[in-house]
N, C-alpha and C. Protein backbone atom coordinates (compact mmCIF):
# COMPACT_ATOMS: atom_id res chain seq x y z
N MET A 1 110.23 92.66 93.37
CA MET A 1 109.00 92.65 94.18
C MET A 1 108.68 94.05 94.67
N ALA A 2 109.68 94.72 95.21
CA ALA A 2 109.49 96.08 95.74
C ALA A 2 109.03 97.02 94.62
N PHE A 3 109.61 96.84 93.45
CA PHE A 3 109.24 97.70 92.32
C PHE A 3 107.77 97.51 91.96
N GLN A 4 107.31 96.26 91.99
CA GLN A 4 105.91 95.97 91.67
C GLN A 4 104.97 96.63 92.68
N VAL A 5 105.33 96.55 93.96
CA VAL A 5 104.51 97.16 95.01
C VAL A 5 104.45 98.68 94.80
N ASP A 6 105.60 99.30 94.55
CA ASP A 6 105.64 100.75 94.33
C ASP A 6 104.79 101.13 93.13
N SER A 7 104.84 100.31 92.09
CA SER A 7 104.06 100.59 90.87
C SER A 7 102.57 100.55 91.17
N VAL A 8 102.15 99.59 91.98
CA VAL A 8 100.74 99.47 92.34
C VAL A 8 100.30 100.69 93.15
N LEU A 9 101.11 101.06 94.13
CA LEU A 9 100.77 102.21 94.97
C LEU A 9 100.72 103.49 94.13
N LEU A 10 101.65 103.62 93.20
CA LEU A 10 101.69 104.80 92.34
C LEU A 10 100.45 104.84 91.45
N SER A 11 100.07 103.70 90.93
CA SER A 11 98.88 103.62 90.07
C SER A 11 97.63 104.02 90.86
N ILE A 12 97.51 103.53 92.08
CA ILE A 12 96.36 103.88 92.93
C ILE A 12 96.35 105.38 93.18
N THR A 13 97.52 105.94 93.45
CA THR A 13 97.62 107.37 93.72
C THR A 13 97.18 108.18 92.51
N LEU A 14 97.65 107.80 91.32
CA LEU A 14 97.28 108.51 90.10
C LEU A 14 95.79 108.39 89.84
N ILE A 15 95.21 107.21 90.09
CA ILE A 15 93.77 107.02 89.90
C ILE A 15 92.99 107.93 90.84
N ASN A 16 93.44 108.01 92.09
CA ASN A 16 92.77 108.88 93.06
C ASN A 16 92.80 110.32 92.59
N TYR A 17 93.95 110.77 92.08
CA TYR A 17 94.08 112.14 91.59
C TYR A 17 93.12 112.39 90.43
N MET A 18 93.05 111.42 89.49
CA MET A 18 92.19 111.59 88.32
C MET A 18 90.72 111.60 88.74
N GLN A 19 90.36 110.76 89.71
CA GLN A 19 88.98 110.72 90.18
C GLN A 19 88.60 112.06 90.79
N GLN A 20 89.53 112.70 91.46
CA GLN A 20 89.26 114.01 92.07
C GLN A 20 89.17 115.08 90.98
N GLY A 21 89.79 114.83 89.85
CA GLY A 21 89.71 115.76 88.73
C GLY A 21 90.47 117.04 88.98
N ILE A 22 91.51 116.97 89.79
CA ILE A 22 92.30 118.18 90.10
C ILE A 22 93.57 118.15 89.24
N LEU A 23 93.63 119.04 88.25
CA LEU A 23 94.76 119.05 87.32
C LEU A 23 96.09 119.23 88.02
N LYS A 24 96.13 120.07 89.04
CA LYS A 24 97.39 120.31 89.75
C LYS A 24 97.91 119.03 90.38
N LYS A 25 96.99 118.27 90.99
CA LYS A 25 97.42 117.03 91.64
C LYS A 25 97.85 116.00 90.61
N ILE A 26 97.18 115.97 89.47
CA ILE A 26 97.58 115.05 88.40
C ILE A 26 98.99 115.41 87.94
N GLY A 27 99.25 116.70 87.82
CA GLY A 27 100.58 117.17 87.43
C GLY A 27 101.63 116.74 88.44
N VAL A 28 101.27 116.86 89.71
CA VAL A 28 102.20 116.44 90.78
C VAL A 28 102.45 114.94 90.68
N GLY A 29 101.37 114.18 90.41
CA GLY A 29 101.50 112.73 90.28
C GLY A 29 102.44 112.36 89.15
N LEU A 30 102.30 113.04 88.00
CA LEU A 30 103.16 112.76 86.85
C LEU A 30 104.60 113.14 87.17
N THR A 31 104.79 114.26 87.89
CA THR A 31 106.13 114.68 88.27
C THR A 31 106.75 113.64 89.19
N LEU A 32 105.95 113.12 90.11
CA LEU A 32 106.43 112.10 91.04
C LEU A 32 106.84 110.85 90.28
N PHE A 33 106.03 110.48 89.27
CA PHE A 33 106.33 109.30 88.47
C PHE A 33 107.66 109.48 87.75
N GLU A 34 107.88 110.67 87.17
CA GLU A 34 109.14 110.95 86.47
C GLU A 34 110.31 110.86 87.44
N PHE A 35 110.11 111.39 88.66
CA PHE A 35 111.16 111.35 89.67
C PHE A 35 111.51 109.91 90.03
N LEU A 36 110.47 109.09 90.23
CA LEU A 36 110.70 107.68 90.58
C LEU A 36 111.38 106.95 89.43
N GLU A 37 110.96 107.26 88.21
CA GLU A 37 111.54 106.60 87.05
C GLU A 37 113.03 106.89 86.97
N ILE A 38 113.40 108.15 87.18
CA ILE A 38 114.82 108.53 87.15
C ILE A 38 115.56 107.84 88.29
N THR A 39 114.92 107.78 89.45
CA THR A 39 115.55 107.17 90.63
C THR A 39 115.85 105.69 90.37
N TYR A 40 114.87 104.97 89.79
CA TYR A 40 115.07 103.54 89.54
C TYR A 40 116.12 103.32 88.47
N LYS A 41 116.20 104.22 87.48
CA LYS A 41 117.18 104.05 86.41
C LYS A 41 118.60 104.27 86.91
N THR A 42 118.75 105.14 87.91
CA THR A 42 120.08 105.47 88.42
C THR A 42 120.70 104.33 89.22
């Protein structure tokens, strides 16, 4: 359940970044996603 909630929040965050059209923030969002992915796998 917690994973699903985090996924939704992450998706909303990425959408907000893309709507703003700021490449740096999109990059940060992708980096955050990779960090979370590694965290969940560990």
